[in-house]
Amino acid sequence: MTDSWNLGSMERIIIEKMHNSPGLYSFPSMDAFLFDINVRKNMIESAEKMNQSQAVFTIFEYARCNPDYWYLTAQGGFQLHPNRKPSQAILDIFNNSFLYAFECATACVIIFYHALLHRIGEEKFNELFPQLYLYSWHTEPNLGLYTFYSDHYIPSDVVYIKNPDYNPSTPWFRGLNAVALTSGQFYSHGFGIKSHKEIIDILNQNRSPGSDRTAYVTNLVTRISSESISMTRTINNAFIPIVVHHNKSSISCKRYISYLQKMISS
């Protein structure tokens, strides 16, 4: 049994959230489904690891990085050094985190790359992303990020929390990008892991004087498309349509997980 097929407590929560969502999550194969679940798990683990790191929040003007792995551009972006492997450079952000400072959008992109690196391995990662450049939401096409509008999100999705009346003297409080965790909390670089209410309270404390419009979670959601990366495999070359949806005819979450475990162990 390969480790990518393990279904621990975190994976079960993600599947349950998918199942209970009013949205439709469909996958072309069992491997595609498991790949997506495991990338989401890795996203949450990467966010938690960044939360424990010494990398600090700053605006682009004051960004910094390890010059052994990255060139710091005039815009505050990180350009991969030509004699370094992309996987090594991403890992260095976590291994030597005290050398790094960046804002929350770049943090989310780093988390996406770090999660995918741990899912597909260094060789495949280096093949897909030979010339990494980290700057805000700039990403390599192979990463397969896409943003859409939705009233619902599930663990590992990145949501945007907006502060409509932020104080112009502190523009970095205009809003933040946050990774949804399985605990119901969020991770945002510079804020750490906090509940929805805690984040809203902090943003509301940094509004223009006299403002009474509260900060709020927008319907802007960003996630990784595992299908667009074309890294998933099929089981015994079979095409198995997978649908996780909440309706009367669908399999319950508990039975669905049991079904997956039987498929994997057979």
C-alpha atoms as a PDB file:
ATOM      1  CA  MET A   1       0.000   0.000   0.000  1.00  0.00           C
ATOM      2  CA  THR A   2       1.437   3.393  -0.955  1.00  0.00           C
ATOM      3  CA  ASP A   3       1.456   6.163   1.646  1.00  0.00           C
ATOM      4  CA  SER A   4      -0.533   8.445  -0.666  1.00  0.00           C
ATOM      5  CA  TRP A   5      -3.553   6.185  -0.025  1.00  0.00           C
ATOM      6  CA  ASN A   6      -3.602   6.511   3.758  1.00  0.00           C
ATOM      7  CA  LEU A   7      -6.780   7.999   5.171  1.00  0.00           C
ATOM      8  CA  GLY A   8      -6.064   9.581   8.538  1.00  0.00           C
ATOM      9  CA  SER A   9      -8.213  11.916  10.617  1.00  0.00           C
ATOM     10  CA  MET A  10      -7.293  14.996   8.590  1.00  0.00           C
ATOM     11  CA  GLU A  11      -8.197  13.336   5.283  1.00  0.00           C
ATOM     12  CA  ARG A  12     -11.498  12.177   6.760  1.00  0.00           C
ATOM     13  CA  ILE A  13     -12.373  15.729   7.803  1.00  0.00           C
ATOM     14  CA  ILE A  14     -11.573  17.033   4.303  1.00  0.00           C
ATOM     15  CA  ILE A  15     -13.727  14.335   2.695  1.00  0.00           C
ATOM     16  CA  GLU A  16     -16.562  15.071   5.105  1.00  0.00           C
ATOM     17  CA  LYS A  17     -16.365  18.794   4.291  1.00  0.00           C
ATOM     18  CA  MET A  18     -16.523  17.969   0.596  1.00  0.00           C
ATOM     19  CA  HIS A  19     -19.435  15.653   1.185  1.00  0.00           C
ATOM     20  CA  ASN A  20     -21.410  18.225   3.169  1.00  0.00           C
ATOM     21  CA  SER A  21     -20.698  21.080   0.792  1.00  0.00           C
ATOM     22  CA  PRO A  22     -23.498  22.229  -1.537  1.00  0.00           C
ATOM     23  CA  GLY A  23     -20.894  22.230  -4.305  1.00  0.00           C
ATOM     24  CA  LEU A  24     -20.031  19.253  -6.500  1.00  0.00           C
ATOM     25  CA  TYR A  25     -16.556  17.713  -6.290  1.00  0.00           C
ATOM     26  CA  SER A  26     -15.921  15.205  -9.062  1.00  0.00           C
ATOM     27  CA  PHE A  27     -12.749  13.358  -9.992  1.00  0.00           C
ATOM     28  CA  PRO A  28     -11.887  11.245 -13.043  1.00  0.00           C
ATOM     29  CA  SER A  29     -10.294   8.450 -11.025  1.00  0.00           C
ATOM     30  CA  MET A  30      -9.638   7.134  -7.542  1.00  0.00           C
ATOM     31  CA  ASP A  31      -6.017   8.270  -7.786  1.00  0.00           C
ATOM     32  CA  ALA A  32      -7.086  11.781  -8.776  1.00  0.00           C
ATOM     33  CA  PHE A  33      -9.381  11.927  -5.761  1.00  0.00           C
ATOM     34  CA  LEU A  34      -6.717  10.659  -3.340  1.00  0.00           C
ATOM     35  CA  PHE A  35      -4.110  12.970  -4.868  1.00  0.00           C
ATOM     36  CA  ASP A  36      -6.355  15.968  -4.261  1.00  0.00           C
ATOM     37  CA  ILE A  37      -7.098  14.956  -0.669  1.00  0.00           C
ATOM     38  CA  ASN A  38      -3.425  14.428   0.110  1.00  0.00           C
ATOM     39  CA  VAL A  39      -2.354  17.736  -1.461  1.00  0.00           C
ATOM     40  CA  ARG A  40      -4.945  19.431   0.745  1.00  0.00           C
ATOM     41  CA  LYS A  41      -3.537  17.647   3.782  1.00  0.00           C
ATOM     42  CA  ASN A  42      -0.012  18.744   2.819  1.00  0.00           C
ATOM     43  CA  MET A  43      -1.261  22.333   2.382  1.00  0.00           C
ATOM     44  CA  ILE A  44      -2.535  22.395   5.956  1.00  0.00           C
ATOM     45  CA  GLU A  45       0.675  20.827   7.277  1.00  0.00           C
ATOM     46  CA  SER A  46       2.772  23.354   5.331  1.00  0.00           C
ATOM     47  CA  ALA A  47       0.703  26.238   6.710  1.00  0.00           C
ATOM     48  CA  GLU A  48       1.190  24.931  10.241  1.00  0.00           C
ATOM     49  CA  LYS A  49       4.915  24.573   9.626  1.00  0.00           C
ATOM     50  CA  MET A  50       5.172  28.156   8.347  1.00  0.00           C
ATOM     51  CA  ASN A  51       3.289  29.285  11.439  1.00  0.00           C
ATOM     52  CA  GLN A  52       6.036  27.680  13.549  1.00  0.00           C
ATOM     53  CA  SER A  53       8.823  29.242  11.475  1.00  0.00           C
ATOM     54  CA  GLN A  54      10.742  32.458  12.064  1.00  0.00           C
ATOM     55  CA  ALA A  55       9.795  33.977   8.703  1.00  0.00           C
ATOM     56  CA  VAL A  56       8.210  37.353   9.342  1.00  0.00           C
ATOM     57  CA  PHE A  57       5.560  39.429   7.654  1.00  0.00           C
ATOM     58  CA  THR A  58       6.622  42.552   5.802  1.00  0.00           C
ATOM     59  CA  ILE A  59       5.648  44.608   2.760  1.00  0.00           C
ATOM     60  CA  PHE A  60       7.415  44.134  -0.590  1.00  0.00           C
ATOM     61  CA  GLU A  61       9.694  47.099   0.047  1.00  0.00           C
ATOM     62  CA  TYR A  62      11.338  45.332   2.972  1.00  0.00           C
ATOM     63  CA  ALA A  63      11.238  41.731   1.731  1.00  0.00           C
ATOM     64  CA  ARG A  64      14.310  39.614   2.300  1.00  0.00           C
ATOM     65  CA  CYS A  65      15.508  36.117   1.411  1.00  0.00           C
ATOM     66  CA  ASN A  66      18.542  33.832   1.610  1.00  0.00           C
ATOM     67  CA  PRO A  67      20.961  35.051  -1.110  1.00  0.00           C
ATOM     68  CA  ASP A  68      22.432  31.560  -1.361  1.00  0.00           C
ATOM     69  CA  TYR A  69      19.210  30.423  -3.020  1.00  0.00           C
ATOM     70  CA  TRP A  70      17.416  33.528  -4.293  1.00  0.00           C
ATOM     71  CA  TYR A  71      18.019  36.883  -5.925  1.00  0.00           C
ATOM     72  CA  LEU A  72      15.951  39.641  -4.320  1.00  0.00           C
ATOM     73  CA  THR A  73      14.377  41.704  -7.121  1.00  0.00           C
ATOM     74  CA  ALA A  74      13.717  45.444  -6.992  1.00  0.00           C
ATOM     75  CA  GLN A  75       9.992  44.655  -6.643  1.00  0.00           C
ATOM     76  CA  GLY A  76      10.560  42.518  -3.548  1.00  0.00           C
ATOM     77  CA  GLY A  77      10.275  39.169  -5.327  1.00  0.00           C
ATOM     78  CA  PHE A  78      12.505  36.099  -4.997  1.00  0.00           C
ATOM     79  CA  GLN A  79      14.129  34.810  -8.212  1.00  0.00           C
ATOM     80  CA  LEU A  80      15.670  31.338  -8.033  1.00  0.00           C
ATOM     81  CA  HIS A  81      19.474  31.263  -8.231  1.00  0.00           C
ATOM     82  CA  PRO A  82      20.433  29.453 -11.489  1.00  0.00           C
ATOM     83  CA  ASN A  83      22.739  26.958  -9.759  1.00  0.00           C
ATOM     84  CA  ARG A  84      20.167  25.923  -7.142  1.00  0.00           C
ATOM     85  CA  LYS A  85      17.422  23.337  -7.391  1.00  0.00           C
ATOM     86  CA  PRO A  86      13.860  24.650  -6.954  1.00  0.00           C
ATOM     87  CA  SER A  87      13.108  22.023  -4.299  1.00  0.00           C
ATOM     88  CA  GLN A  88      16.144  23.038  -2.242  1.00  0.00           C
ATOM     89  CA  ALA A  89      15.170  26.704  -2.430  1.00  0.00           C
ATOM     90  CA  ILE A  90      11.610  26.073  -1.250  1.00  0.00           C
ATOM     91  CA  LEU A  91      12.823  23.886   1.611  1.00  0.00           C
ATOM     92  CA  ASP A  92      15.338  26.565   2.627  1.00  0.00           C
ATOM     93  CA  ILE A  93      12.482  28.987   3.338  1.00  0.00           C
ATOM     94  CA  PHE A  94      11.429  26.634   6.134  1.00  0.00           C
ATOM     95  CA  ASN A  95      14.887  25.392   7.158  1.00  0.00           C
ATOM     96  CA  ASN A  96      16.425  28.887   7.409  1.00  0.00           C
ATOM     97  CA  SER A  97      13.225  30.827   7.969  1.00  0.00           C
ATOM     98  CA  PHE A  98      14.935  33.554  10.032  1.00  0.00           C
ATOM     99  CA  LEU A  99      16.480  34.844   6.776  1.00  0.00           C
ATOM    100  CA  TYR A 100      13.100  35.483   5.148  1.00  0.00           C
ATOM    101  CA  ALA A 101      10.447  38.186   5.220  1.00  0.00           C
ATOM    102  CA  PHE A 102       7.479  38.449   2.829  1.00  0.00           C
ATOM    103  CA  GLU A 103       3.788  39.367   2.704  1.00  0.00           C
ATOM    104  CA  CYS A 104       0.761  37.092   2.926  1.00  0.00           C
ATOM    105  CA  ALA A 105       0.125  36.428  -0.784  1.00  0.00           C
ATOM    106  CA  THR A 106       3.706  35.258  -1.299  1.00  0.00           C
ATOM    107  CA  ALA A 107       3.346  33.154   1.855  1.00  0.00           C
ATOM    108  CA  CYS A 108       0.330  31.354   0.386  1.00  0.00           C
ATOM    109  CA  VAL A 109       2.178  30.631  -2.857  1.00  0.00           C
ATOM    110  CA  ILE A 110       5.147  29.261  -0.893  1.00  0.00           C
ATOM    111  CA  ILE A 111       2.751  27.014   1.034  1.00  0.00           C
ATOM    112  CA  PHE A 112       1.248  25.733  -2.237  1.00  0.00           C
ATOM    113  CA  TYR A 113       4.710  24.912  -3.618  1.00  0.00           C
ATOM    114  CA  HIS A 114       5.880  23.339  -0.352  1.00  0.00           C
ATOM    115  CA  ALA A 115       2.775  21.146  -0.138  1.00  0.00           C
ATOM    116  CA  LEU A 116       3.130  19.966  -3.712  1.00  0.00           C
ATOM    117  CA  LEU A 117       6.841  19.274  -3.252  1.00  0.00           C
ATOM    118  CA  HIS A 118       6.032  16.901  -0.389  1.00  0.00           C
ATOM    119  CA  ARG A 119       3.350  15.193  -2.435  1.00  0.00           C
ATOM    120  CA  ILE A 120       5.261  14.587  -5.718  1.00  0.00           C
ATOM    121  CA  GLY A 121       8.907  14.514  -4.584  1.00  0.00           C
ATOM    122  CA  GLU A 122      11.942  16.596  -5.504  1.00  0.00           C
ATOM    123  CA  GLU A 123      12.659  15.093  -8.923  1.00  0.00           C
ATOM    124  CA  LYS A 124       9.193  15.754 -10.334  1.00  0.00           C
ATOM    125  CA  PHE A 125       8.993  19.139  -8.617  1.00  0.00           C
ATOM    126  CA  ASN A 126      12.281  20.310 -10.136  1.00  0.00           C
ATOM    127  CA  GLU A 127      11.135  19.130 -13.539  1.00  0.00           C
ATOM    128  CA  LEU A 128       7.888  21.098 -13.320  1.00  0.00           C
ATOM    129  CA  PHE A 129       9.233  24.315 -11.793  1.00  0.00           C
ATOM    130  CA  PRO A 130      12.791  24.879 -13.094  1.00  0.00           C
ATOM    131  CA  GLN A 131      12.729  28.702 -12.811  1.00  0.00           C
ATOM    132  CA  LEU A 132      10.819  29.639  -9.677  1.00  0.00           C
ATOM    133  CA  TYR A 133       9.906  33.261  -9.039  1.00  0.00           C
ATOM    134  CA  LEU A 134       8.073  34.154  -5.841  1.00  0.00           C
ATOM    135  CA  TYR A 135       6.212  37.459  -5.919  1.00  0.00           C
ATOM    136  CA  SER A 136       2.680  37.988  -4.633  1.00  0.00           C
ATOM    137  CA  TRP A 137       0.295  35.729  -6.615  1.00  0.00           C
ATOM    138  CA  HIS A 138       2.750  35.190  -9.484  1.00  0.00           C
ATOM    139  CA  THR A 139       3.013  31.412 -10.032  1.00  0.00           C
ATOM    140  CA  GLU A 140       4.299  28.980 -12.618  1.00  0.00           C
ATOM    141  CA  PRO A 141       1.526  27.675 -14.933  1.00  0.00           C
ATOM    142  CA  ASN A 142       2.257  24.088 -13.900  1.00  0.00           C
ATOM    143  CA  LEU A 143       1.177  24.859 -10.344  1.00  0.00           C
ATOM    144  CA  GLY A 144      -2.406  24.968 -11.573  1.00  0.00           C
ATOM    145  CA  LEU A 145      -3.733  27.624  -9.192  1.00  0.00           C
ATOM    146  CA  TYR A 146      -7.138  29.062  -9.944  1.00  0.00           C
ATOM    147  CA  THR A 147      -9.332  31.620  -8.211  1.00  0.00           C
ATOM    148  CA  PHE A 148     -13.109  31.704  -8.286  1.00  0.00           C
ATOM    149  CA  TYR A 149     -16.091  33.123  -6.439  1.00  0.00           C
ATOM    150  CA  SER A 150     -17.927  30.882  -4.006  1.00  0.00           C
ATOM    151  CA  ASP A 151     -19.902  31.116  -0.784  1.00  0.00           C
ATOM    152  CA  HIS A 152     -18.287  27.891   0.416  1.00  0.00           C
ATOM    153  CA  TYR A 153     -14.741  26.676   0.943  1.00  0.00           C
ATOM    154  CA  ILE A 154     -13.147  23.545   2.364  1.00  0.00           C
ATOM    155  CA  PRO A 155      -9.910  22.929   4.302  1.00  0.00           C
ATOM    156  CA  SER A 156      -6.734  24.065   2.473  1.00  0.00           C
ATOM    157  CA  ASP A 157      -8.611  26.594   0.327  1.00  0.00           C
ATOM    158  CA  VAL A 158      -7.186  30.107   0.526  1.00  0.00           C
ATOM    159  CA  VAL A 159      -9.790  32.762   1.265  1.00  0.00           C
ATOM    160  CA  TYR A 160      -9.492  36.539   1.265  1.00  0.00           C
ATOM    161  CA  ILE A 161     -10.633  38.475   4.344  1.00  0.00           C
ATOM    162  CA  LYS A 162     -11.242  42.128   3.488  1.00  0.00           C
ATOM    163  CA  ASN A 163     -11.122  45.222   5.664  1.00  0.00           C
ATOM    164  CA  PRO A 164     -13.137  47.737   3.590  1.00  0.00           C
ATOM    165  CA  ASP A 165     -12.317  50.764   5.755  1.00  0.00           C
ATOM    166  CA  TYR A 166      -8.686  50.057   6.571  1.00  0.00           C
ATOM    167  CA  ASN A 167      -6.623  52.919   7.896  1.00  0.00           C
ATOM    168  CA  PRO A 168      -4.539  54.407   5.038  1.00  0.00           C
ATOM    169  CA  SER A 169      -1.621  54.784   7.440  1.00  0.00           C
ATOM    170  CA  THR A 170      -1.470  50.969   7.770  1.00  0.00           C
ATOM    171  CA  PRO A 171      -2.369  49.693   4.270  1.00  0.00           C
ATOM    172  CA  TRP A 172      -1.215  46.158   5.106  1.00  0.00           C
ATOM    173  CA  PHE A 173      -4.420  45.840   7.149  1.00  0.00           C
ATOM    174  CA  ARG A 174      -6.611  46.252   4.068  1.00  0.00           C
ATOM    175  CA  GLY A 175      -7.115  42.493   4.096  1.00  0.00           C
ATOM    176  CA  LEU A 176      -5.341  39.179   4.268  1.00  0.00           C
ATOM    177  CA  ASN A 177      -5.052  35.843   2.508  1.00  0.00           C
ATOM    178  CA  ALA A 178      -5.710  32.925   4.820  1.00  0.00           C
ATOM    179  CA  VAL A 179      -5.474  29.137   4.525  1.00  0.00           C
ATOM    180  CA  ALA A 180      -8.550  27.358   5.899  1.00  0.00           C
ATOM    181  CA  LEU A 181      -7.563  24.590   8.332  1.00  0.00           C
ATOM    182  CA  THR A 182      -9.449  21.449   9.379  1.00  0.00           C
ATOM    183  CA  SER A 183      -9.870  22.899  12.884  1.00  0.00           C
ATOM    184  CA  GLY A 184     -12.131  25.652  11.554  1.00  0.00           C
ATOM    185  CA  GLN A 185      -9.339  28.161  12.109  1.00  0.00           C
ATOM    186  CA  PHE A 186      -7.221  29.987   9.532  1.00  0.00           C
ATOM    187  CA  TYR A 187      -3.528  30.545   9.009  1.00  0.00           C
ATOM    188  CA  SER A 188      -2.436  33.919   7.673  1.00  0.00           C
ATOM    189  CA  HIS A 189       1.188  35.015   7.516  1.00  0.00           C
ATOM    190  CA  GLY A 190       1.751  37.718  10.090  1.00  0.00           C
ATOM    191  CA  PHE A 191      -1.417  36.820  11.994  1.00  0.00           C
ATOM    192  CA  GLY A 192      -0.670  33.187  12.788  1.00  0.00           C
ATOM    193  CA  ILE A 193      -3.412  30.604  13.372  1.00  0.00           C
ATOM    194  CA  LYS A 194      -6.577  32.253  14.551  1.00  0.00           C
ATOM    195  CA  SER A 195     -10.329  31.856  14.494  1.00  0.00           C
ATOM    196  CA  HIS A 196     -12.567  33.745  12.107  1.00  0.00           C
ATOM    197  CA  LYS A 197     -13.670  36.050  14.934  1.00  0.00           C
ATOM    198  CA  GLU A 198     -10.121  36.771  16.104  1.00  0.00           C
ATOM    199  CA  ILE A 199      -9.036  37.808  12.595  1.00  0.00           C
ATOM    200  CA  ILE A 200     -12.098  40.005  12.113  1.00  0.00           C
ATOM    201  CA  ASP A 201     -11.508  41.656  15.513  1.00  0.00           C
ATOM    202  CA  ILE A 202      -7.878  42.469  14.655  1.00  0.00           C
ATOM    203  CA  LEU A 203      -8.816  43.967  11.291  1.00  0.00           C
ATOM    204  CA  ASN A 204     -11.654  45.956  12.855  1.00  0.00           C
ATOM    205  CA  GLN A 205      -9.191  47.433  15.319  1.00  0.00           C
ATOM    206  CA  ASN A 206      -7.226  48.777  12.347  1.00  0.00           C
ATOM    207  CA  ARG A 207      -9.956  50.677  10.524  1.00  0.00           C
ATOM    208  CA  SER A 208     -10.113  54.369   9.732  1.00  0.00           C
ATOM    209  CA  PRO A 209     -11.287  56.459  12.702  1.00  0.00           C
ATOM    210  CA  GLY A 210     -15.066  56.579  12.886  1.00  0.00           C
ATOM    211  CA  SER A 211     -15.604  53.628  10.542  1.00  0.00           C
ATOM    212  CA  ASP A 212     -18.291  51.118  11.477  1.00  0.00           C
ATOM    213  CA  ARG A 213     -18.032  48.713   8.505  1.00  0.00           C
ATOM    214  CA  THR A 214     -16.732  45.383   9.726  1.00  0.00           C
ATOM    215  CA  ALA A 215     -14.113  43.261   8.031  1.00  0.00           C
ATOM    216  CA  TYR A 216     -15.505  40.107   6.413  1.00  0.00           C
ATOM    217  CA  VAL A 217     -14.591  36.908   4.589  1.00  0.00           C
ATOM    218  CA  THR A 218     -15.094  37.539   0.879  1.00  0.00           C
ATOM    219  CA  ASN A 219     -16.291  34.903  -1.598  1.00  0.00           C
ATOM    220  CA  LEU A 220     -12.895  34.843  -3.332  1.00  0.00           C
ATOM    221  CA  VAL A 221     -11.384  31.342  -3.093  1.00  0.00           C
ATOM    222  CA  THR A 222      -8.040  30.088  -4.440  1.00  0.00           C
ATOM    223  CA  ARG A 223      -7.064  26.453  -4.684  1.00  0.00           C
ATOM    224  CA  ILE A 224      -4.755  24.144  -6.587  1.00  0.00           C
ATOM    225  CA  SER A 225      -6.062  22.085  -9.500  1.00  0.00           C
ATOM    226  CA  SER A 226      -4.551  18.640  -9.172  1.00  0.00           C
ATOM    227  CA  GLU A 227      -5.956  17.622 -12.556  1.00  0.00           C
ATOM    228  CA  SER A 228      -4.219  20.467 -14.397  1.00  0.00           C
ATOM    229  CA  ILE A 229      -0.829  19.260 -13.136  1.00  0.00           C
ATOM    230  CA  SER A 230      -1.417  15.879 -14.802  1.00  0.00           C
ATOM    231  CA  MET A 231       0.403  13.993 -12.075  1.00  0.00           C
ATOM    232  CA  THR A 232      -2.318  11.634 -10.953  1.00  0.00           C
ATOM    233  CA  ARG A 233      -2.365   7.965 -11.818  1.00  0.00           C
ATOM    234  CA  THR A 234      -5.197   5.545 -12.299  1.00  0.00           C
ATOM    235  CA  ILE A 235      -5.611   2.278 -10.445  1.00  0.00           C
ATOM    236  CA  ASN A 236      -4.940  -0.645 -12.806  1.00  0.00           C
ATOM    237  CA  ASN A 237      -5.320   1.834 -15.706  1.00  0.00           C
ATOM    238  CA  ALA A 238      -9.048   1.991 -14.952  1.00  0.00           C
ATOM    239  CA  PHE A 239     -11.111   5.156 -15.309  1.00  0.00           C
ATOM    240  CA  ILE A 240     -13.176   5.423 -12.123  1.00  0.00           C
ATOM    241  CA  PRO A 241     -15.488   8.435 -11.892  1.00  0.00           C
ATOM    242  CA  ILE A 242     -15.589   9.731  -8.339  1.00  0.00           C
ATOM    243  CA  VAL A 243     -18.246  12.139  -7.091  1.00  0.00           C
ATOM    244  CA  VAL A 244     -18.380  13.490  -3.553  1.00  0.00           C
ATOM    245  CA  HIS A 245     -21.669  15.317  -3.168  1.00  0.00           C
ATOM    246  CA  HIS A 246     -24.319  15.712  -0.539  1.00  0.00           C
ATOM    247  CA  ASN A 247     -27.648  14.405  -1.778  1.00  0.00           C
ATOM    248  CA  LYS A 248     -30.063  11.565  -1.063  1.00  0.00           C
ATOM    249  CA  SER A 249     -28.504   9.185  -3.568  1.00  0.00           C
ATOM    250  CA  SER A 250     -24.849   9.706  -2.633  1.00  0.00           C
ATOM    251  CA  ILE A 251     -22.878   7.426  -0.345  1.00  0.00           C
ATOM    252  CA  SER A 252     -22.546   8.764   3.192  1.00  0.00           C
ATOM    253  CA  CYS A 253     -19.121  10.031   4.232  1.00  0.00           C
ATOM    254  CA  LYS A 254     -18.583   7.084   6.615  1.00  0.00           C
ATOM    255  CA  ARG A 255     -19.529   4.485   4.019  1.00  0.00           C
ATOM    256  CA  TYR A 256     -17.516   6.299   1.364  1.00  0.00           C
ATOM    257  CA  ILE A 257     -14.328   6.129   3.407  1.00  0.00           C
ATOM    258  CA  SER A 258     -14.990   2.449   4.136  1.00  0.00           C
ATOM    259  CA  TYR A 259     -15.433   1.880   0.410  1.00  0.00           C
ATOM    260  CA  LEU A 260     -12.130   3.618  -0.334  1.00  0.00           C
ATOM    261  CA  GLN A 261     -10.272   1.539   2.239  1.00  0.00           C
ATOM    262  CA  LYS A 262     -11.609  -1.697   0.738  1.00  0.00           C
ATOM    263  CA  MET A 263     -10.557  -0.542  -2.749  1.00  0.00           C
ATOM    264  CA  ILE A 264      -7.068   0.326  -1.532  1.00  0.00           C
ATOM    265  CA  SER A 265      -6.460  -2.906   0.392  1.00  0.00           C
ATOM    266  CA  SER A 266      -7.732  -5.161  -2.395  1.00  0.00           C
END
